Amino acid sequence: MPNPLFILASGSPRRRALLEALGMPSAVAENPWDEVPRPNERPDRQVRRLAREKLLHFVATHPENSLPVLTADTLLAFRGQALNKPADETQAWAFYRALAGHTHRVLTSFALWTPKRLIQKTVSTAVTFVTWNERLYRRYLDRGEWRDAAGGYKIQENGAVLVSRIKGSWTNVVGLPTAEVYAILSATLRVLTS
């Protein structure tokens, strides 16, 4: 296996799979971080702050590391509010009731640290849910995919059944906008290795 070019400081199997598809060897490191929203914090600010805090936490707790480090955070924005991972089935159901028949934005902010600088970018994708159909949404809720998923659904799994339209990056909805990440990673790694 080739030596890693960077570290993905995330426990997300979805982000790991998306990065593996890019063909850029990386190491994966757990980076436990308490994602605490702040009162009245706008979704775009929250997602940027959390991605940056995760990154700075990892860098501070691994001072011996010299490889670039990548972190990310994903949340839903709907009517000016952030929808994070639902705490329980009741909250996931409330999310579905609110989102059905409407368009929300999925925001992913990713941050890349190198010994010379920190780069951060936020990508937005518009996702429209199908109109309310209690049986359909109940079947999806019962699958349990709401666990550990921003907004309570996983588009890459059975959550696609809830989506009628998407505008923007599909991988962003999964948890990492691969085109944007690839562009920044490849440019940064080229500079670092030249």
N, C-alpha and C. Protein backbone atom coordinates (compact mmCIF):
# COMPACT_ATOMS: atom_id res chain seq x y z
N MET A 1 0.84 -1.19 0.00
CA MET A 1 0.00 0.00 0.00
C MET A 1 0.88 1.25 0.00
N PRO A 2 0.57 2.24 -0.87
CA PRO A 2 1.41 3.44 -0.93
C PRO A 2 1.33 4.26 0.35
N ASN A 3 2.37 5.04 0.60
CA ASN A 3 2.38 5.89 1.78
C ASN A 3 1.26 6.92 1.68
N PRO A 4 0.61 7.24 2.81
CA PRO A 4 -0.47 8.22 2.76
C PRO A 4 0.05 9.61 2.43
N LEU A 5 -0.75 10.34 1.65
CA LEU A 5 -0.40 11.71 1.28
C LEU A 5 -0.99 12.72 2.27
N PHE A 6 -2.05 12.30 2.97
CA PHE A 6 -2.70 13.18 3.93
C PHE A 6 -3.48 12.33 4.92
N ILE A 7 -4.02 12.98 5.95
CA ILE A 7 -4.82 12.30 6.96
C ILE A 7 -6.26 12.79 6.87
N LEU A 8 -7.19 11.87 6.83
CA LEU A 8 -8.60 12.20 6.99
C LEU A 8 -8.91 12.03 8.48
N ALA A 9 -9.12 13.14 9.17
CA ALA A 9 -9.40 13.10 10.61
C ALA A 9 -10.91 13.05 10.80
N SER A 10 -11.46 11.87 10.57
CA SER A 10 -12.90 11.68 10.63
C SER A 10 -13.21 10.20 10.78
N GLY A 11 -14.26 9.91 11.53
CA GLY A 11 -14.70 8.53 11.67
C GLY A 11 -15.77 8.15 10.66
N SER A 12 -16.09 9.06 9.74
CA SER A 12 -17.18 8.82 8.80
C SER A 12 -16.80 7.81 7.73
N PRO A 13 -17.48 6.66 7.67
CA PRO A 13 -17.18 5.70 6.61
C PRO A 13 -17.57 6.24 5.24
N ARG A 14 -18.54 7.13 5.17
CA ARG A 14 -18.95 7.71 3.89
C ARG A 14 -17.84 8.59 3.32
N ARG A 15 -17.26 9.42 4.15
CA ARG A 15 -16.16 10.28 3.66
C ARG A 15 -14.96 9.43 3.26
N ARG A 16 -14.68 8.41 4.04
CA ARG A 16 -13.56 7.52 3.71
C ARG A 16 -13.77 6.87 2.34
N ALA A 17 -14.98 6.38 2.08
CA ALA A 17 -15.26 5.73 0.79
C ALA A 17 -15.15 6.72 -0.36
N LEU A 18 -15.64 7.93 -0.17
CA LEU A 18 -15.56 8.94 -1.23
C LEU A 18 -14.10 9.28 -1.55
N LEU A 19 -13.27 9.39 -0.52
CA LEU A 19 -11.86 9.70 -0.75
C LEU A 19 -11.12 8.54 -1.40
N GLU A 20 -11.46 7.31 -1.01
CA GLU A 20 -10.83 6.15 -1.64
C GLU A 20 -11.10 6.12 -3.13
N ALA A 21 -12.31 6.55 -3.52
CA ALA A 21 -12.66 6.58 -4.94
C ALA A 21 -11.82 7.57 -5.73
N LEU A 22 -11.25 8.56 -5.05
CA LEU A 22 -10.40 9.54 -5.73
C LEU A 22 -9.02 8.97 -6.05
N GLY A 23 -8.66 7.87 -5.40
CA GLY A 23 -7.36 7.25 -5.68
C GLY A 23 -6.18 7.98 -5.06
N MET A 24 -6.43 8.76 -4.02
CA MET A 24 -5.34 9.48 -3.35
C MET A 24 -5.14 8.80 -1.99
N PRO A 25 -4.01 8.12 -1.79
CA PRO A 25 -3.81 7.38 -0.55
C PRO A 25 -3.82 8.29 0.67
N SER A 26 -4.61 7.88 1.66
CA SER A 26 -4.70 8.67 2.89
C SER A 26 -4.71 7.73 4.08
N ALA A 27 -4.41 8.29 5.23
CA ALA A 27 -4.56 7.59 6.50
C ALA A 27 -5.83 8.12 7.15
N VAL A 28 -6.53 7.28 7.87
CA VAL A 28 -7.75 7.69 8.55
C VAL A 28 -7.49 7.68 10.04
N ALA A 29 -7.87 8.77 10.71
CA ALA A 29 -7.67 8.86 12.15
C ALA A 29 -8.97 9.30 12.81
N GLU A 30 -9.31 8.66 13.90
CA GLU A 30 -10.48 9.09 14.68
C GLU A 30 -10.19 10.49 15.24
N ASN A 31 -11.23 11.28 15.31
CA ASN A 31 -11.07 12.64 15.81
C ASN A 31 -12.32 13.03 16.60
N PRO A 32 -12.51 12.43 17.79
CA PRO A 32 -13.73 12.70 18.54
C PRO A 32 -13.84 14.19 18.88
N TRP A 33 -14.99 14.74 18.56
CA TRP A 33 -15.22 16.17 18.81
C TRP A 33 -16.69 16.38 19.08
N ASP A 34 -16.99 17.12 20.11
CA ASP A 34 -18.38 17.37 20.49
C ASP A 34 -18.93 18.51 19.64
N GLU A 35 -19.80 18.16 18.69
CA GLU A 35 -20.34 19.15 17.76
C GLU A 35 -21.51 19.89 18.41
N VAL A 36 -21.20 20.97 19.08
CA VAL A 36 -22.22 21.71 19.83
C VAL A 36 -22.66 22.93 19.04
N PRO A 37 -23.95 22.97 18.64
CA PRO A 37 -24.44 24.18 17.98
C PRO A 37 -24.57 25.33 18.97
N ARG A 38 -24.45 26.53 18.46
CA ARG A 38 -24.62 27.72 19.31
C ARG A 38 -26.00 28.32 19.05
N PRO A 39 -26.60 28.91 20.06
CA PRO A 39 -27.94 29.50 19.87
C PRO A 39 -27.93 30.55 18.76
N ASN A 40 -28.93 30.49 17.89
CA ASN A 40 -29.12 31.47 16.80
C ASN A 40 -27.96 31.55 15.81
N GLU A 41 -27.15 30.49 15.75
CA GLU A 41 -26.02 30.48 14.81
C GLU A 41 -26.53 30.11 13.42
N ARG A 42 -26.20 30.91 12.43
CA ARG A 42 -26.64 30.62 11.07
C ARG A 42 -26.00 29.32 10.59
N PRO A 43 -26.73 28.52 9.79
CA PRO A 43 -26.20 27.22 9.34
C PRO A 43 -24.85 27.33 8.64
N ASP A 44 -24.67 28.33 7.77
CA ASP A 44 -23.39 28.43 7.06
C ASP A 44 -22.24 28.72 8.01
N ARG A 45 -22.49 29.51 9.03
CA ARG A 45 -21.45 29.79 10.02
C ARG A 45 -21.17 28.56 10.88
N GLN A 46 -22.23 27.87 11.26
CA GLN A 46 -22.07 26.68 12.11
C GLN A 46 -21.24 25.61 11.41
N VAL A 47 -21.55 25.33 10.16
CA VAL A 47 -20.85 24.25 9.47
C VAL A 47 -19.37 24.60 9.26
N ARG A 48 -19.10 25.88 8.98
CA ARG A 48 -17.70 26.32 8.83
C ARG A 48 -16.95 26.21 10.17
N ARG A 49 -17.61 26.68 11.22
CA ARG A 49 -16.96 26.66 12.54
C ARG A 49 -16.65 25.23 12.97
N LEU A 50 -17.62 24.32 12.80
CA LEU A 50 -17.41 22.95 13.25
C LEU A 50 -16.30 22.26 12.47
N ALA A 51 -16.26 22.46 11.16
CA ALA A 51 -15.19 21.84 10.37
C ALA A 51 -13.82 22.37 10.80
N ARG A 52 -13.76 23.67 11.07
CA ARG A 52 -12.49 24.28 11.49
C ARG A 52 -12.10 23.82 12.89
N GLU A 53 -13.07 23.77 13.81
CA GLU A 53 -12.77 23.33 15.17
C GLU A 53 -12.27 21.88 15.19
N LYS A 54 -12.89 21.02 14.39
CA LYS A 54 -12.42 19.63 14.29
C LYS A 54 -10.96 19.59 13.84
N LEU A 55 -10.66 20.40 12.84
CA LEU A 55 -9.31 20.43 12.29
C LEU A 55 -8.31 20.92 13.33
N LEU A 56 -8.61 22.05 13.96
CA LEU A 56 -7.68 22.62 14.94
C LEU A 56 -7.51 21.70 16.15
N HIS A 57 -8.57 20.99 16.53
CA HIS A 57 -8.48 20.03 17.62
C HIS A 57 -7.50 18.91 17.26
N PHE A 58 -7.62 18.37 16.05
CA PHE A 58 -6.73 17.29 15.65
C PHE A 58 -5.29 17.76 15.59
N VAL A 59 -5.06 18.91 14.99
CA VAL A 59 -3.70 19.44 14.86
C VAL A 59 -3.09 19.67 16.25
N ALA A 60 -3.88 20.23 17.16
CA ALA A 60 -3.37 20.52 18.51
C ALA A 60 -3.05 19.25 19.29
N THR A 61 -3.82 18.18 19.06
CA THR A 61 -3.60 16.94 19.82
C THR A 61 -2.63 15.98 19.12
N HIS A 62 -2.13 16.36 17.95
CA HIS A 62 -1.15 15.55 17.22
C HIS A 62 0.00 16.44 16.75
N PRO A 63 0.74 17.05 17.68
CA PRO A 63 1.79 18.00 17.28
C PRO A 63 2.92 17.37 16.49
N GLU A 64 3.05 16.03 16.58
CA GLU A 64 4.13 15.35 15.84
C GLU A 64 3.80 15.16 14.37
N ASN A 65 2.55 15.37 13.99
CA ASN A 65 2.12 15.11 12.62
C ASN A 65 2.59 16.21 11.67
N SER A 66 3.11 15.79 10.51
CA SER A 66 3.51 16.76 9.49
C SER A 66 2.73 16.60 8.19
N LEU A 67 1.88 15.58 8.12
CA LEU A 67 1.07 15.38 6.92
C LEU A 67 -0.10 16.37 6.89
N PRO A 68 -0.58 16.75 5.70
CA PRO A 68 -1.80 17.54 5.62
C PRO A 68 -2.95 16.80 6.29
N VAL A 69 -3.88 17.55 6.86
CA VAL A 69 -5.02 16.98 7.58
C VAL A 69 -6.31 17.55 6.99
N LEU A 70 -7.27 16.66 6.74
CA LEU A 70 -8.56 17.06 6.18
C LEU A 70 -9.67 16.72 7.17
N THR A 71 -10.57 17.68 7.42
CA THR A 71 -11.77 17.43 8.21
C THR A 71 -12.97 18.03 7.46
N ALA A 72 -14.16 17.63 7.88
CA ALA A 72 -15.37 18.16 7.24
C ALA A 72 -16.53 18.08 8.20
N ASP A 73 -17.55 18.88 7.90
CA ASP A 73 -18.80 18.82 8.64
C ASP A 73 -19.94 19.04 7.66
N THR A 74 -21.04 18.33 7.87
CA THR A 74 -22.21 18.44 6.99
C THR A 74 -23.46 18.69 7.83
N LEU A 75 -24.30 19.60 7.37
CA LEU A 75 -25.60 19.81 8.00
C LEU A 75 -26.60 20.27 6.95
N LEU A 76 -27.86 20.25 7.33
CA LEU A 76 -28.93 20.74 6.46
C LEU A 76 -29.33 22.13 6.91
N ALA A 77 -29.66 22.97 5.94
CA ALA A 77 -30.19 24.30 6.24
C ALA A 77 -31.60 24.36 5.67
N PHE A 78 -32.54 24.71 6.53
CA PHE A 78 -33.94 24.81 6.10
C PHE A 78 -34.60 25.97 6.83
N ARG A 79 -35.08 26.92 6.04
CA ARG A 79 -35.74 28.11 6.60
C ARG A 79 -34.88 28.80 7.66
N GLY A 80 -33.59 28.92 7.34
CA GLY A 80 -32.67 29.64 8.22
C GLY A 80 -32.19 28.88 9.42
N GLN A 81 -32.63 27.64 9.58
CA GLN A 81 -32.24 26.82 10.73
C GLN A 81 -31.34 25.67 10.28
N ALA A 82 -30.44 25.27 11.17
CA ALA A 82 -29.59 24.11 10.92
C ALA A 82 -30.28 22.86 11.41
N LEU A 83 -30.31 21.83 10.58
CA LEU A 83 -30.79 20.51 10.99
C LEU A 83 -29.57 19.60 11.03
N ASN A 84 -29.17 19.23 12.21
CA ASN A 84 -28.01 18.36 12.38
C ASN A 84 -28.47 16.91 12.39
N LYS A 85 -27.74 16.05 13.06
CA LYS A 85 -28.15 14.65 13.21
C LYS A 85 -29.29 14.59 14.22
N PRO A 86 -30.40 13.94 13.88
CA PRO A 86 -31.50 13.87 14.85
C PRO A 86 -31.09 13.09 16.10
N ALA A 87 -31.58 13.56 17.23
CA ALA A 87 -31.24 12.93 18.51
C ALA A 87 -31.95 11.60 18.68
N ASP A 88 -33.14 11.47 18.07
CA ASP A 88 -33.92 10.25 18.23
C ASP A 88 -34.92 10.14 17.07
N GLU A 89 -35.68 9.06 17.11
CA GLU A 89 -36.65 8.78 16.04
C GLU A 89 -37.73 9.87 15.95
N THR A 90 -38.13 10.40 17.07
CA THR A 90 -39.16 11.46 17.09
C THR A 90 -38.67 12.70 16.37
N GLN A 91 -37.42 13.07 16.60
CA GLN A 91 -36.88 14.25 15.93
C GLN A 91 -36.70 13.98 14.44
N ALA A 92 -36.27 12.78 14.07
CA ALA A 92 -36.13 12.44 12.65
C ALA A 92 -37.48 12.56 11.94
N TRP A 93 -38.53 12.07 12.58
CA TRP A 93 -39.88 12.15 12.01
C TRP A 93 -40.30 13.61 11.83
N ALA A 94 -39.98 14.44 12.80
CA ALA A 94 -40.30 15.88 12.69
C ALA A 94 -39.54 16.51 11.52
N PHE A 95 -38.31 16.09 11.32
CA PHE A 95 -37.54 16.59 10.16
C PHE A 95 -38.26 16.23 8.87
N TYR A 96 -38.67 14.97 8.73
CA TYR A 96 -39.33 14.53 7.49
C TYR A 96 -40.62 15.31 7.25
N ARG A 97 -41.39 15.51 8.31
CA ARG A 97 -42.65 16.26 8.18
C ARG A 97 -42.38 17.68 7.68
N ALA A 98 -41.32 18.29 8.20
CA ALA A 98 -40.99 19.67 7.80
C ALA A 98 -40.44 19.74 6.38
N LEU A 99 -39.61 18.78 6.01
CA LEU A 99 -38.90 18.83 4.72
C LEU A 99 -39.74 18.33 3.54
N ALA A 100 -40.74 17.51 3.79
CA ALA A 100 -41.53 16.91 2.71
C ALA A 100 -42.12 17.98 1.80
N GLY A 101 -41.88 17.81 0.49
CA GLY A 101 -42.41 18.74 -0.51
C GLY A 101 -41.66 20.04 -0.62
N HIS A 102 -40.57 20.20 0.13
CA HIS A 102 -39.80 21.45 0.15
C HIS A 102 -38.35 21.20 -0.25
N THR A 103 -37.67 22.31 -0.52
CA THR A 103 -36.25 22.26 -0.85
C THR A 103 -35.44 22.72 0.35
N HIS A 104 -34.41 21.97 0.67
CA HIS A 104 -33.47 22.37 1.70
C HIS A 104 -32.07 22.39 1.08
N ARG A 105 -31.14 22.95 1.80
CA ARG A 105 -29.75 22.97 1.33
C ARG A 105 -28.91 22.05 2.21
N VAL A 106 -28.05 21.28 1.58
CA VAL A 106 -27.07 20.50 2.32
C VAL A 106 -25.75 21.25 2.21
N LEU A 107 -25.20 21.60 3.35
CA LEU A 107 -23.94 22.33 3.42
C LEU A 107 -22.85 21.42 3.95
N THR A 108 -21.76 21.33 3.22
CA THR A 108 -20.58 20.65 3.73
C THR A 108 -19.42 21.63 3.68
N SER A 109 -18.78 21.79 4.81
CA SER A 109 -17.57 22.61 4.86
C SER A 109 -16.41 21.67 5.13
N PHE A 110 -15.36 21.81 4.33
CA PHE A 110 -14.16 21.00 4.58
C PHE A 110 -12.98 21.93 4.79
N ALA A 111 -12.08 21.49 5.65
CA ALA A 111 -10.90 22.28 5.99
C ALA A 111 -9.66 21.41 5.82
N LEU A 112 -8.64 22.00 5.24
CA LEU A 112 -7.38 21.29 4.99
C LEU A 112 -6.24 22.07 5.63
N TRP A 113 -5.53 21.40 6.52
CA TRP A 113 -4.37 22.00 7.17
C TRP A 113 -3.10 21.47 6.55
N THR A 114 -2.15 22.35 6.31
CA THR A 114 -0.79 21.96 5.98
C THR A 114 0.12 22.73 6.93
N PRO A 115 1.38 22.33 7.02
CA PRO A 115 2.28 23.08 7.91
C PRO A 115 2.39 24.56 7.54
N LYS A 116 1.99 24.92 6.31
CA LYS A 116 2.13 26.32 5.87
C LYS A 116 0.83 27.12 5.90
N ARG A 117 -0.32 26.43 5.79
CA ARG A 117 -1.56 27.21 5.76
C ARG A 117 -2.78 26.33 6.00
N LEU A 118 -3.92 27.01 6.16
CA LEU A 118 -5.20 26.33 6.35
C LEU A 118 -6.13 26.82 5.23
N ILE A 119 -6.74 25.87 4.53
CA ILE A 119 -7.66 26.17 3.43
C ILE A 119 -9.04 25.65 3.83
N GLN A 120 -10.07 26.44 3.59
CA GLN A 120 -11.42 25.99 3.91
C GLN A 120 -12.38 26.41 2.81
N LYS A 121 -13.34 25.52 2.51
CA LYS A 121 -14.34 25.79 1.49
C LYS A 121 -15.67 25.16 1.93
N THR A 122 -16.76 25.85 1.62
CA THR A 122 -18.09 25.33 1.92
C THR A 122 -18.88 25.19 0.63
N VAL A 123 -19.53 24.04 0.46
CA VAL A 123 -20.28 23.74 -0.76
C VAL A 123 -21.74 23.52 -0.38
N SER A 124 -22.65 24.04 -1.21
CA SER A 124 -24.08 23.94 -0.96
C SER A 124 -24.76 23.18 -2.10
N THR A 125 -25.64 22.27 -1.75
CA THR A 125 -26.44 21.51 -2.73
C THR A 125 -27.91 21.64 -2.35
N ALA A 126 -28.75 21.94 -3.34
CA ALA A 126 -30.20 22.05 -3.09
C ALA A 126 -30.84 20.69 -3.30
N VAL A 127 -31.61 20.24 -2.32
CA VAL A 127 -32.28 18.94 -2.37
C VAL A 127 -33.76 19.16 -2.10
N THR A 128 -34.61 18.61 -2.97
CA THR A 128 -36.05 18.71 -2.79
C THR A 128 -36.60 17.34 -2.44
N PHE A 129 -37.37 17.29 -1.36
CA PHE A 129 -38.00 16.04 -0.94
C PHE A 129 -39.35 15.86 -1.64
N VAL A 130 -39.76 14.62 -1.80
CA VAL A 130 -41.08 14.31 -2.35
C VAL A 130 -42.15 14.82 -1.39
N THR A 131 -43.35 15.04 -1.91
CA THR A 131 -44.44 15.51 -1.05
C THR A 131 -44.77 14.46 0.01
N TRP A 132 -45.50 14.89 1.00
CA TRP A 132 -45.77 14.03 2.15
C TRP A 132 -46.58 12.80 1.76
N ASN A 133 -46.04 11.66 2.12
CA ASN A 133 -46.71 10.37 1.97
C ASN A 133 -46.35 9.60 3.23
N GLU A 134 -47.28 9.54 4.16
CA GLU A 134 -46.97 9.00 5.48
C GLU A 134 -46.40 7.59 5.42
N ARG A 135 -46.95 6.76 4.55
CA ARG A 135 -46.48 5.38 4.45
C ARG A 135 -45.03 5.32 3.98
N LEU A 136 -44.71 6.11 2.96
CA LEU A 136 -43.34 6.14 2.43
C LEU A 136 -42.36 6.62 3.49
N TYR A 137 -42.67 7.73 4.13
CA TYR A 137 -41.76 8.28 5.14
C TYR A 137 -41.66 7.36 6.36
N ARG A 138 -42.76 6.73 6.74
CA ARG A 138 -42.73 5.80 7.88
C ARG A 138 -41.85 4.61 7.57
N ARG A 139 -41.97 4.08 6.34
CA ARG A 139 -41.12 2.93 5.96
C ARG A 139 -39.65 3.32 6.03
N TYR A 140 -39.35 4.53 5.57
CA TYR A 140 -37.96 4.97 5.62
C TYR A 140 -37.50 5.15 7.07
N LEU A 141 -38.32 5.77 7.88
CA LEU A 141 -37.96 5.96 9.30
C LEU A 141 -37.65 4.62 9.96
N ASP A 142 -38.47 3.63 9.67
CA ASP A 142 -38.31 2.31 10.30
C ASP A 142 -37.02 1.61 9.90
N ARG A 143 -36.41 2.04 8.81
CA ARG A 143 -35.11 1.45 8.40
C ARG A 143 -33.97 1.85 9.34
N GLY A 144 -34.17 2.93 10.06
CA GLY A 144 -33.15 3.36 11.03
C GLY A 144 -32.01 4.14 10.44
N GLU A 145 -32.10 4.52 9.18
CA GLU A 145 -30.99 5.26 8.56
C GLU A 145 -30.85 6.67 9.10
N TRP A 146 -31.82 7.13 9.88
CA TRP A 146 -31.74 8.48 10.45
C TRP A 146 -30.58 8.60 11.43
N ARG A 147 -30.13 7.48 11.96
CA ARG A 147 -29.04 7.53 12.93
C ARG A 147 -27.75 8.01 12.26
N ASP A 148 -27.09 8.93 12.94
CA ASP A 148 -25.78 9.44 12.49
C ASP A 148 -25.83 10.00 11.08
N ALA A 149 -26.92 10.71 10.74
CA ALA A 149 -27.05 11.29 9.41
C ALA A 149 -27.60 12.71 9.52
N ALA A 150 -26.90 13.67 8.94
CA ALA A 150 -27.39 15.04 8.94
C ALA A 150 -28.78 15.08 8.33
N GLY A 151 -29.71 15.69 9.02
CA GLY A 151 -31.08 15.78 8.53
C GLY A 151 -31.87 14.49 8.65
N GLY A 152 -31.22 13.41 9.07
CA GLY A 152 -31.92 12.16 9.29
C GLY A 152 -32.08 11.27 8.07
N TYR A 153 -31.30 11.51 7.01
CA TYR A 153 -31.40 10.62 5.85
C TYR A 153 -30.04 10.43 5.19
N LYS A 154 -29.91 9.32 4.48
CA LYS A 154 -28.68 9.00 3.75
C LYS A 154 -29.04 8.78 2.30
N ILE A 155 -28.71 9.78 1.48
CA ILE A 155 -29.09 9.73 0.07
C ILE A 155 -28.41 8.58 -0.66
N GLN A 156 -27.23 8.16 -0.19
CA GLN A 156 -26.48 7.10 -0.86
C GLN A 156 -27.04 5.72 -0.53
N GLU A 157 -27.96 5.67 0.42
CA GLU A 157 -28.60 4.41 0.77
C GLU A 157 -30.07 4.50 0.36
N ASN A 158 -30.98 4.14 1.23
CA ASN A 158 -32.39 4.16 0.87
C ASN A 158 -33.02 5.55 0.91
N GLY A 159 -32.29 6.53 1.43
CA GLY A 159 -32.81 7.90 1.51
C GLY A 159 -33.08 8.52 0.16
N ALA A 160 -32.54 7.95 -0.90
CA ALA A 160 -32.79 8.48 -2.25
C ALA A 160 -34.28 8.43 -2.59
N VAL A 161 -35.03 7.55 -1.95
CA VAL A 161 -36.46 7.43 -2.22
C VAL A 161 -37.23 8.68 -1.78
N LEU A 162 -36.64 9.47 -0.89
CA LEU A 162 -37.28 10.68 -0.40
C LEU A 162 -37.01 11.89 -1.29
N VAL A 163 -36.07 11.75 -2.22
CA VAL A 163 -35.59 12.90 -2.99
C VAL A 163 -36.23 12.94 -4.37
N SER A 164 -36.86 14.07 -4.69
CA SER A 164 -37.45 14.23 -6.02
C SER A 164 -36.52 15.00 -6.95
N ARG A 165 -35.65 15.84 -6.39
CA ARG A 165 -34.76 16.64 -7.24
C ARG A 165 -33.52 17.05 -6.44
N ILE A 166 -32.42 17.17 -7.18
CA ILE A 166 -31.17 17.62 -6.56
C ILE A 166 -30.48 18.58 -7.53
N LYS A 167 -29.95 19.66 -7.01
CA LYS A 167 -29.23 20.62 -7.83
C LYS A 167 -27.88 20.89 -7.17
N GLY A 168 -26.84 20.40 -7.81
CA GLY A 168 -25.50 20.55 -7.25
C GLY A 168 -24.83 19.20 -7.06
N SER A 169 -23.84 19.19 -6.20
CA SER A 169 -23.01 18.02 -5.99
C SER A 169 -23.73 16.93 -5.18
N TRP A 170 -23.88 15.75 -5.78
CA TRP A 170 -24.48 14.62 -5.08
C TRP A 170 -23.57 14.15 -3.94
N THR A 171 -22.25 14.11 -4.19
CA THR A 171 -21.34 13.65 -3.14
C THR A 171 -21.32 14.60 -1.96
N ASN A 172 -21.64 15.87 -2.19
CA ASN A 172 -21.75 16.82 -1.09
C ASN A 172 -22.86 16.39 -0.12
N VAL A 173 -23.96 15.87 -0.68
CA VAL A 173 -25.07 15.41 0.16
C VAL A 173 -24.65 14.16 0.94
N VAL A 174 -23.81 13.34 0.35
CA VAL A 174 -23.29 12.16 1.04
C VAL A 174 -22.38 12.56 2.20
N GLY A 175 -21.65 13.68 2.04
CA GLY A 175 -20.81 14.15 3.13
C GLY A 175 -19.48 14.76 2.75
N LEU A 176 -19.16 14.79 1.42
CA LEU A 176 -17.90 15.40 1.00
C LEU A 176 -17.99 15.73 -0.49
N PRO A 177 -17.86 16.99 -0.87
CA PRO A 177 -17.93 17.35 -2.29
C PRO A 177 -16.62 16.98 -3.00
N THR A 178 -16.60 15.82 -3.61
CA THR A 178 -15.33 15.26 -4.07
C THR A 178 -14.64 16.08 -5.16
N ALA A 179 -15.38 16.71 -6.05
CA ALA A 179 -14.73 17.51 -7.10
C ALA A 179 -13.95 18.66 -6.48
N GLU A 180 -14.57 19.36 -5.55
CA GLU A 180 -13.90 20.48 -4.90
C GLU A 180 -12.75 20.02 -4.01
N VAL A 181 -12.95 18.93 -3.29
CA VAL A 181 -11.89 18.40 -2.43
C VAL A 181 -10.70 17.94 -3.28
N TYR A 182 -10.99 17.25 -4.37
CA TYR A 182 -9.92 16.76 -5.24
C TYR A 182 -9.09 17.93 -5.80
N ALA A 183 -9.76 18.98 -6.24
CA ALA A 183 -9.05 20.13 -6.82
C ALA A 183 -8.10 20.76 -5.79
N ILE A 184 -8.59 20.95 -4.58
CA ILE A 184 -7.75 21.58 -3.55
C ILE A 184 -6.65 20.63 -3.07
N LEU A 185 -7.00 19.36 -2.86
CA LEU A 185 -5.99 18.39 -2.43
C LEU A 185 -4.88 18.23 -3.46
N SER A 186 -5.25 18.07 -4.72
CA SER A 186 -4.24 17.82 -5.75
C SER A 186 -3.32 19.03 -5.91
N ALA A 187 -3.89 20.24 -5.88
CA ALA A 187 -3.06 21.46 -5.98
C ALA A 187 -2.15 21.58 -4.77
N THR A 188 -2.68 21.32 -3.58
CA THR A 188 -1.89 21.45 -2.35
C THR A 188 -0.79 20.40 -2.30
N LEU A 189 -1.13 19.16 -2.61
CA LEU A 189 -0.13 18.09 -2.54
C LEU A 189 0.95 18.27 -3.61
N ARG A 190 0.57 18.80 -4.76
CA ARG A 190 1.55 19.07 -5.82
C ARG A 190 2.58 20.09 -5.33
N VAL A 191 2.09 21.14 -4.66
CA VAL A 191 2.99 22.16 -4.11
C VAL A 191 3.88 21.57 -3.03
N LEU A 192 3.31 20.77 -2.17
CA LEU A 192 4.07 20.20 -1.06
C LEU A 192 5.14 19.20 -1.51
N THR A 193 4.86 18.50 -2.60
CA THR A 193 5.81 17.47 -3.05
C THR A 193 6.74 17.94 -4.15
N SER A 194 6.59 19.19 -4.59
CA SER A 194 7.46 19.68 -5.68
C SER A 194 8.75 20.25 -5.15
